[in-house]
Amino acid sequence: MKPSYSRALIIGAGAGLSASLARLFAANGMGLALAARNTGKLAALAEETGASLHTCDAADQGQVAALFAALDGEGAPDVVVYNPSARVRGPLIELDPQAVARAVQVTAIGAFFVAQEAAKRMQPAGHGAILFTGASAGVKGYAQSASFAMGKFALRGLAQSMARELHPKGIHVGHFVIDGGIRGAAHSEAPESPDSMLDPDAIARSYWHFLEQDRSAWAWEIELRPWVERF
């Protein structure tokens, strides 16, 4: 059976993938809520998609709880997308422990806060989808990128555990490994290397295809990478 969805919440919304998802959801008739620490940057996207805007630091449990309580008044989302992540680069022995803790809080602990609030609302209905934007750093750790690997490995573990628990309750959990750079205004391919970066609209369509999966064959993880990758 293919489920239908009516309202989406994108947390950590901004340009790029979040904007592509917002436009795709809106084009398919879904109501939409966008949440970010800075909502000023989302005004044009909200107007384009008819989305409501909500200020929220996903790493703050109280703000996440308040966000979902506010959404209860306009219709709880049956699709929740978690996009925030943070990283601190540098040699291990030079990293600021507090900055690393904050990065992991944003990337993984915030995801738990959001997932818990979403599941509380979806579970009684036996319906919903919770989607996490991951990275290749959640599968393989890179040098001088310990904080990002810690956060993304934790995010992947959260998603996998949730899938085992919530799939039998009708809640589709997805983790998307984005293995490559995403094309955008500040990042584009060299002319001699077409399609060597991921197109955010193409990524968004993969999220939509995931939502369209028949529950007899639900995936919990999909890896997306440019066609030119050799490793």
C-alpha atoms as a PDB file:
ATOM      1  CA  MET A   1       0.000   0.000   0.000  1.00  0.00           C
ATOM      2  CA  LYS A   2       1.286   3.455  -0.928  1.00  0.00           C
ATOM      3  CA  PRO A   3       0.518   6.007   1.799  1.00  0.00           C
ATOM      4  CA  SER A   4      -0.541   9.577   1.098  1.00  0.00           C
ATOM      5  CA  TYR A   5       0.798  12.565   3.026  1.00  0.00           C
ATOM      6  CA  SER A   6      -0.810  15.948   3.583  1.00  0.00           C
ATOM      7  CA  ARG A   7       1.527  18.199   5.590  1.00  0.00           C
ATOM      8  CA  ALA A   8       5.317  18.492   5.857  1.00  0.00           C
ATOM      9  CA  LEU A   9       7.702  20.137   8.301  1.00  0.00           C
ATOM     10  CA  ILE A  10      11.262  20.889   7.184  1.00  0.00           C
ATOM     11  CA  ILE A  11      13.612  21.700  10.059  1.00  0.00           C
ATOM     12  CA  GLY A  12      16.860  23.470   9.303  1.00  0.00           C
ATOM     13  CA  ALA A  13      15.302  25.001   6.201  1.00  0.00           C
ATOM     14  CA  GLY A  14      17.346  27.190   3.903  1.00  0.00           C
ATOM     15  CA  ALA A  15      18.503  27.386   0.315  1.00  0.00           C
ATOM     16  CA  GLY A  16      19.552  24.319  -1.617  1.00  0.00           C
ATOM     17  CA  LEU A  17      18.040  20.953  -0.705  1.00  0.00           C
ATOM     18  CA  SER A  18      15.513  22.357   1.779  1.00  0.00           C
ATOM     19  CA  ALA A  19      14.183  24.787  -0.803  1.00  0.00           C
ATOM     20  CA  SER A  20      13.952  22.041  -3.421  1.00  0.00           C
ATOM     21  CA  LEU A  21      12.017  19.848  -0.995  1.00  0.00           C
ATOM     22  CA  ALA A  22       9.704  22.716  -0.066  1.00  0.00           C
ATOM     23  CA  ARG A  23       8.866  23.428  -3.704  1.00  0.00           C
ATOM     24  CA  LEU A  24       8.310  19.748  -4.488  1.00  0.00           C
ATOM     25  CA  PHE A  25       6.057  19.180  -1.484  1.00  0.00           C
ATOM     26  CA  ALA A  26       4.035  22.297  -2.277  1.00  0.00           C
ATOM     27  CA  ALA A  27       3.733  21.326  -5.951  1.00  0.00           C
ATOM     28  CA  ASN A  28       2.216  18.036  -4.838  1.00  0.00           C
ATOM     29  CA  GLY A  29      -0.450  19.763  -2.785  1.00  0.00           C
ATOM     30  CA  MET A  30       1.060  19.391   0.679  1.00  0.00           C
ATOM     31  CA  GLY A  31       0.743  21.988   3.397  1.00  0.00           C
ATOM     32  CA  LEU A  32       4.140  23.139   4.565  1.00  0.00           C
ATOM     33  CA  ALA A  33       5.927  24.502   7.626  1.00  0.00           C
ATOM     34  CA  LEU A  34       9.544  25.693   7.562  1.00  0.00           C
ATOM     35  CA  ALA A  35      11.643  26.011  10.708  1.00  0.00           C
ATOM     36  CA  ALA A  36      15.098  27.522  11.170  1.00  0.00           C
ATOM     37  CA  ARG A  37      17.058  29.630  13.620  1.00  0.00           C
ATOM     38  CA  ASN A  38      16.889  32.532  11.164  1.00  0.00           C
ATOM     39  CA  THR A  39      13.560  32.701   9.336  1.00  0.00           C
ATOM     40  CA  GLY A  40      14.282  36.026   7.640  1.00  0.00           C
ATOM     41  CA  LYS A  41      16.119  34.200   4.868  1.00  0.00           C
ATOM     42  CA  LEU A  42      13.011  32.090   4.202  1.00  0.00           C
ATOM     43  CA  ALA A  43      10.500  34.858   3.456  1.00  0.00           C
ATOM     44  CA  ALA A  44      10.628  34.488  -0.328  1.00  0.00           C
ATOM     45  CA  LEU A  45      10.460  30.684  -0.173  1.00  0.00           C
ATOM     46  CA  ALA A  46       7.524  30.823   2.229  1.00  0.00           C
ATOM     47  CA  GLU A  47       5.649  33.168  -0.073  1.00  0.00           C
ATOM     48  CA  GLU A  48       6.375  30.945  -3.067  1.00  0.00           C
ATOM     49  CA  THR A  49       5.263  27.722  -1.359  1.00  0.00           C
ATOM     50  CA  GLY A  50       2.585  29.005   1.023  1.00  0.00           C
ATOM     51  CA  ALA A  51       4.582  27.748   3.995  1.00  0.00           C
ATOM     52  CA  SER A  52       4.277  28.949   7.566  1.00  0.00           C
ATOM     53  CA  LEU A  53       7.521  30.069   9.197  1.00  0.00           C
ATOM     54  CA  HIS A  54       8.735  29.082  12.661  1.00  0.00           C
ATOM     55  CA  THR A  55      11.857  30.114  14.546  1.00  0.00           C
ATOM     56  CA  CYS A  56      13.519  27.116  16.177  1.00  0.00           C
ATOM     57  CA  ASP A  57      16.981  26.045  17.276  1.00  0.00           C
ATOM     58  CA  ALA A  58      16.737  22.290  16.800  1.00  0.00           C
ATOM     59  CA  ALA A  59      19.469  21.701  19.377  1.00  0.00           C
ATOM     60  CA  ASP A  60      17.242  23.188  22.093  1.00  0.00           C
ATOM     61  CA  GLN A  61      14.727  20.672  23.441  1.00  0.00           C
ATOM     62  CA  GLY A  62      12.384  23.373  24.735  1.00  0.00           C
ATOM     63  CA  GLN A  63      12.260  25.136  21.373  1.00  0.00           C
ATOM     64  CA  VAL A  64      11.575  21.864  19.558  1.00  0.00           C
ATOM     65  CA  ALA A  65       8.722  21.030  21.920  1.00  0.00           C
ATOM     66  CA  ALA A  66       7.287  24.532  21.462  1.00  0.00           C
ATOM     67  CA  LEU A  67       7.511  24.193  17.674  1.00  0.00           C
ATOM     68  CA  PHE A  68       5.482  20.996  17.604  1.00  0.00           C
ATOM     69  CA  ALA A  69       2.966  22.404  20.062  1.00  0.00           C
ATOM     70  CA  ALA A  70       2.473  25.398  17.762  1.00  0.00           C
ATOM     71  CA  LEU A  71       2.051  23.117  14.752  1.00  0.00           C
ATOM     72  CA  ASP A  72      -0.649  21.162  16.556  1.00  0.00           C
ATOM     73  CA  GLY A  73      -2.811  24.222  16.123  1.00  0.00           C
ATOM     74  CA  GLU A  74      -2.433  24.346  12.335  1.00  0.00           C
ATOM     75  CA  GLY A  75      -2.221  20.616  11.717  1.00  0.00           C
ATOM     76  CA  ALA A  76       0.513  18.285  12.878  1.00  0.00           C
ATOM     77  CA  PRO A  77       2.878  17.255  10.055  1.00  0.00           C
ATOM     78  CA  ASP A  78       2.796  13.692   8.784  1.00  0.00           C
ATOM     79  CA  VAL A  79       6.179  14.178   7.062  1.00  0.00           C
ATOM     80  CA  VAL A  80       9.103  15.601   9.041  1.00  0.00           C
ATOM     81  CA  VAL A  81      12.495  16.267   7.432  1.00  0.00           C
ATOM     82  CA  TYR A  82      15.549  16.919   9.616  1.00  0.00           C
ATOM     83  CA  ASN A  83      18.313  18.815   7.790  1.00  0.00           C
ATOM     84  CA  PRO A  84      20.466  20.627  10.396  1.00  0.00           C
ATOM     85  CA  SER A  85      24.117  19.703  10.819  1.00  0.00           C
ATOM     86  CA  ALA A  86      27.256  21.335  12.137  1.00  0.00           C
ATOM     87  CA  ARG A  87      30.947  20.589  12.052  1.00  0.00           C
ATOM     88  CA  VAL A  88      34.250  21.788  13.442  1.00  0.00           C
ATOM     89  CA  ARG A  89      37.243  21.082  11.235  1.00  0.00           C
ATOM     90  CA  GLY A  90      40.836  20.646  12.314  1.00  0.00           C
ATOM     91  CA  PRO A  91      43.382  18.286  13.868  1.00  0.00           C
ATOM     92  CA  LEU A  92      41.925  16.248  16.721  1.00  0.00           C
ATOM     93  CA  ILE A  93      44.205  17.656  19.411  1.00  0.00           C
ATOM     94  CA  GLU A  94      43.361  21.240  18.421  1.00  0.00           C
ATOM     95  CA  LEU A  95      39.566  20.946  18.466  1.00  0.00           C
ATOM     96  CA  ASP A  96      37.568  23.002  20.960  1.00  0.00           C
ATOM     97  CA  PRO A  97      35.626  20.452  23.058  1.00  0.00           C
ATOM     98  CA  GLN A  98      32.703  22.817  23.564  1.00  0.00           C
ATOM     99  CA  ALA A  99      32.448  23.488  19.831  1.00  0.00           C
ATOM    100  CA  VAL A 100      32.533  19.741  19.151  1.00  0.00           C
ATOM    101  CA  ALA A 101      29.782  19.151  21.717  1.00  0.00           C
ATOM    102  CA  ARG A 102      27.654  21.840  20.067  1.00  0.00           C
ATOM    103  CA  ALA A 103      28.218  20.303  16.623  1.00  0.00           C
ATOM    104  CA  VAL A 104      27.093  16.867  17.803  1.00  0.00           C
ATOM    105  CA  GLN A 105      24.137  18.454  19.607  1.00  0.00           C
ATOM    106  CA  VAL A 106      22.934  20.087  16.386  1.00  0.00           C
ATOM    107  CA  THR A 107      23.571  17.135  14.086  1.00  0.00           C
ATOM    108  CA  ALA A 108      22.366  14.251  16.249  1.00  0.00           C
ATOM    109  CA  ILE A 109      20.802  15.190  19.586  1.00  0.00           C
ATOM    110  CA  GLY A 110      18.536  17.721  17.897  1.00  0.00           C
ATOM    111  CA  ALA A 111      17.445  14.978  15.514  1.00  0.00           C
ATOM    112  CA  PHE A 112      16.423  12.887  18.507  1.00  0.00           C
ATOM    113  CA  PHE A 113      14.411  15.775  19.984  1.00  0.00           C
ATOM    114  CA  VAL A 114      12.574  16.264  16.692  1.00  0.00           C
ATOM    115  CA  ALA A 115      12.040  12.550  16.059  1.00  0.00           C
ATOM    116  CA  GLN A 116      10.597  12.024  19.522  1.00  0.00           C
ATOM    117  CA  GLU A 117       8.076  14.853  19.148  1.00  0.00           C
ATOM    118  CA  ALA A 118       7.127  13.683  15.648  1.00  0.00           C
ATOM    119  CA  ALA A 119       6.715  10.042  16.680  1.00  0.00           C
ATOM    120  CA  LYS A 120       4.506  10.977  19.637  1.00  0.00           C
ATOM    121  CA  ARG A 121       2.051  12.469  17.164  1.00  0.00           C
ATOM    122  CA  MET A 122       2.369   9.929  14.357  1.00  0.00           C
ATOM    123  CA  GLN A 123       2.222   6.767  16.431  1.00  0.00           C
ATOM    124  CA  PRO A 124      -1.452   7.042  17.534  1.00  0.00           C
ATOM    125  CA  ALA A 125      -2.475   7.469  13.890  1.00  0.00           C
ATOM    126  CA  GLY A 126      -0.207   4.667  12.667  1.00  0.00           C
ATOM    127  CA  HIS A 127       0.931   6.915   9.855  1.00  0.00           C
ATOM    128  CA  GLY A 128       3.799   9.278   9.026  1.00  0.00           C
ATOM    129  CA  ALA A 129       7.345   9.607   7.758  1.00  0.00           C
ATOM    130  CA  ILE A 130      10.482  10.942   9.450  1.00  0.00           C
ATOM    131  CA  LEU A 131      13.401  11.640   7.114  1.00  0.00           C
ATOM    132  CA  PHE A 132      17.004  12.465   8.035  1.00  0.00           C
ATOM    133  CA  THR A 133      19.575  14.084   5.764  1.00  0.00           C
ATOM    134  CA  GLY A 134      22.837  12.265   6.359  1.00  0.00           C
ATOM    135  CA  ALA A 135      26.251  12.327   4.719  1.00  0.00           C
ATOM    136  CA  SER A 136      29.090  10.040   3.711  1.00  0.00           C
ATOM    137  CA  ALA A 137      30.672  11.102   7.025  1.00  0.00           C
ATOM    138  CA  GLY A 138      28.064   8.917   8.716  1.00  0.00           C
ATOM    139  CA  VAL A 139      29.488   5.861   6.981  1.00  0.00           C
ATOM    140  CA  LYS A 140      33.212   6.656   6.902  1.00  0.00           C
ATOM    141  CA  GLY A 141      35.119   9.116   9.066  1.00  0.00           C
ATOM    142  CA  TYR A 142      37.476  11.551   7.352  1.00  0.00           C
ATOM    143  CA  ALA A 143      40.700  12.999   8.735  1.00  0.00           C
ATOM    144  CA  GLN A 144      40.295  16.283  10.633  1.00  0.00           C
ATOM    145  CA  SER A 145      36.526  15.902  10.599  1.00  0.00           C
ATOM    146  CA  ALA A 146      35.904  14.067  13.867  1.00  0.00           C
ATOM    147  CA  SER A 147      32.965  16.182  15.027  1.00  0.00           C
ATOM    148  CA  PHE A 148      31.071  15.758  11.768  1.00  0.00           C
ATOM    149  CA  ALA A 149      31.671  12.003  11.750  1.00  0.00           C
ATOM    150  CA  MET A 150      30.524  11.738  15.379  1.00  0.00           C
ATOM    151  CA  GLY A 151      27.305  13.594  14.635  1.00  0.00           C
ATOM    152  CA  LYS A 152      26.497  11.842  11.386  1.00  0.00           C
ATOM    153  CA  PHE A 153      27.329   8.358  12.698  1.00  0.00           C
ATOM    154  CA  ALA A 154      24.981   9.022  15.617  1.00  0.00           C
ATOM    155  CA  LEU A 155      22.297  10.300  13.250  1.00  0.00           C
ATOM    156  CA  ARG A 156      22.531   7.136  11.166  1.00  0.00           C
ATOM    157  CA  GLY A 157      22.326   4.948  14.251  1.00  0.00           C
ATOM    158  CA  LEU A 158      19.254   6.849  15.425  1.00  0.00           C
ATOM    159  CA  ALA A 159      17.548   6.372  12.053  1.00  0.00           C
ATOM    160  CA  GLN A 160      18.341   2.676  11.868  1.00  0.00           C
ATOM    161  CA  SER A 161      17.069   2.037  15.387  1.00  0.00           C
ATOM    162  CA  MET A 162      13.933   4.080  14.735  1.00  0.00           C
ATOM    163  CA  ALA A 163      13.220   2.163  11.531  1.00  0.00           C
ATOM    164  CA  ARG A 164      13.295  -1.141  13.382  1.00  0.00           C
ATOM    165  CA  GLU A 165      10.947   0.207  16.040  1.00  0.00           C
ATOM    166  CA  LEU A 166       8.588   2.405  14.040  1.00  0.00           C
ATOM    167  CA  HIS A 167       8.178   0.710  10.661  1.00  0.00           C
ATOM    168  CA  PRO A 168       5.904  -1.946  12.218  1.00  0.00           C
ATOM    169  CA  LYS A 169       3.825   0.921  13.628  1.00  0.00           C
ATOM    170  CA  GLY A 170       3.224   2.484  10.215  1.00  0.00           C
ATOM    171  CA  ILE A 171       5.855   5.231  10.443  1.00  0.00           C
ATOM    172  CA  HIS A 172       8.339   5.251   7.558  1.00  0.00           C
ATOM    173  CA  VAL A 173      11.827   6.273   8.687  1.00  0.00           C
ATOM    174  CA  GLY A 174      14.456   7.243   6.136  1.00  0.00           C
ATOM    175  CA  HIS A 175      18.144   8.144   6.248  1.00  0.00           C
ATOM    176  CA  PHE A 176      19.684   9.675   3.119  1.00  0.00           C
ATOM    177  CA  VAL A 177      23.448   9.401   2.687  1.00  0.00           C
ATOM    178  CA  ILE A 178      24.442  12.429   0.610  1.00  0.00           C
ATOM    179  CA  ASP A 179      27.818  11.311  -0.698  1.00  0.00           C
ATOM    180  CA  GLY A 180      29.116  14.366  -2.540  1.00  0.00           C
ATOM    181  CA  GLY A 181      28.793  18.114  -2.846  1.00  0.00           C
ATOM    182  CA  ILE A 182      25.400  19.677  -3.513  1.00  0.00           C
ATOM    183  CA  ARG A 183      25.192  22.136  -6.375  1.00  0.00           C
ATOM    184  CA  GLY A 184      24.130  25.645  -5.399  1.00  0.00           C
ATOM    185  CA  ALA A 185      24.697  29.354  -5.868  1.00  0.00           C
ATOM    186  CA  ALA A 186      28.043  29.172  -4.077  1.00  0.00           C
ATOM    187  CA  HIS A 187      29.074  25.756  -5.425  1.00  0.00           C
ATOM    188  CA  SER A 188      28.990  24.644  -9.033  1.00  0.00           C
ATOM    189  CA  GLU A 189      30.835  22.215 -11.277  1.00  0.00           C
ATOM    190  CA  ALA A 190      33.638  23.112 -13.601  1.00  0.00           C
ATOM    191  CA  PRO A 191      32.487  23.234 -17.248  1.00  0.00           C
ATOM    192  CA  GLU A 192      34.538  20.146 -18.040  1.00  0.00           C
ATOM    193  CA  SER A 193      32.833  18.147 -15.250  1.00  0.00           C
ATOM    194  CA  PRO A 194      29.067  18.276 -15.837  1.00  0.00           C
ATOM    195  CA  ASP A 195      26.840  16.662 -13.192  1.00  0.00           C
ATOM    196  CA  SER A 196      29.790  16.014 -10.893  1.00  0.00           C
ATOM    197  CA  MET A 197      27.805  17.524  -8.010  1.00  0.00           C
ATOM    198  CA  LEU A 198      24.393  16.481  -6.739  1.00  0.00           C
ATOM    199  CA  ASP A 199      21.467  18.508  -8.076  1.00  0.00           C
ATOM    200  CA  PRO A 200      19.254  19.514  -5.099  1.00  0.00           C
ATOM    201  CA  ASP A 201      16.098  19.071  -7.193  1.00  0.00           C
ATOM    202  CA  ALA A 202      17.201  15.534  -8.067  1.00  0.00           C
ATOM    203  CA  ILE A 203      17.861  14.766  -4.399  1.00  0.00           C
ATOM    204  CA  ALA A 204      14.410  16.079  -3.509  1.00  0.00           C
ATOM    205  CA  ARG A 205      12.823  13.767  -6.083  1.00  0.00           C
ATOM    206  CA  SER A 206      14.577  10.826  -4.426  1.00  0.00           C
ATOM    207  CA  TYR A 207      13.014  11.847  -1.105  1.00  0.00           C
ATOM    208  CA  TRP A 208       9.626  11.934  -2.842  1.00  0.00           C
ATOM    209  CA  HIS A 209      10.160   8.495  -4.410  1.00  0.00           C
ATOM    210  CA  PHE A 210      11.001   7.210  -0.941  1.00  0.00           C
ATOM    211  CA  LEU A 211       7.668   8.508   0.355  1.00  0.00           C
ATOM    212  CA  GLU A 212       5.897   6.727  -2.505  1.00  0.00           C
ATOM    213  CA  GLN A 213       7.331   3.309  -1.622  1.00  0.00           C
ATOM    214  CA  ASP A 214       4.840   0.543  -1.001  1.00  0.00           C
ATOM    215  CA  ARG A 215       4.993  -0.526   2.625  1.00  0.00           C
ATOM    216  CA  SER A 216       5.592  -4.128   1.533  1.00  0.00           C
ATOM    217  CA  ALA A 217       9.071  -2.996   0.440  1.00  0.00           C
ATOM    218  CA  TRP A 218      10.057  -0.022   2.593  1.00  0.00           C
ATOM    219  CA  ALA A 219      13.687   1.099   2.553  1.00  0.00           C
ATOM    220  CA  TRP A 220      15.235   2.749   5.591  1.00  0.00           C
ATOM    221  CA  GLU A 221      18.362   4.144   3.881  1.00  0.00           C
ATOM    222  CA  ILE A 222      19.310   5.405   0.435  1.00  0.00           C
ATOM    223  CA  GLU A 223      22.773   6.553  -0.692  1.00  0.00           C
ATOM    224  CA  LEU A 224      22.957   9.255  -3.344  1.00  0.00           C
ATOM    225  CA  ARG A 225      26.211  10.102  -5.098  1.00  0.00           C
ATOM    226  CA  PRO A 226      27.347  11.689  -8.374  1.00  0.00           C
ATOM    227  CA  TRP A 227      27.841   9.333 -11.270  1.00  0.00           C
ATOM    228  CA  VAL A 228      31.532  10.248 -11.662  1.00  0.00           C
ATOM    229  CA  GLU A 229      32.591   8.991  -8.207  1.00  0.00           C
ATOM    230  CA  ARG A 230      35.129   6.143  -8.378  1.00  0.00           C
ATOM    231  CA  PHE A 231      35.450   5.195  -4.697  1.00  0.00           C
END
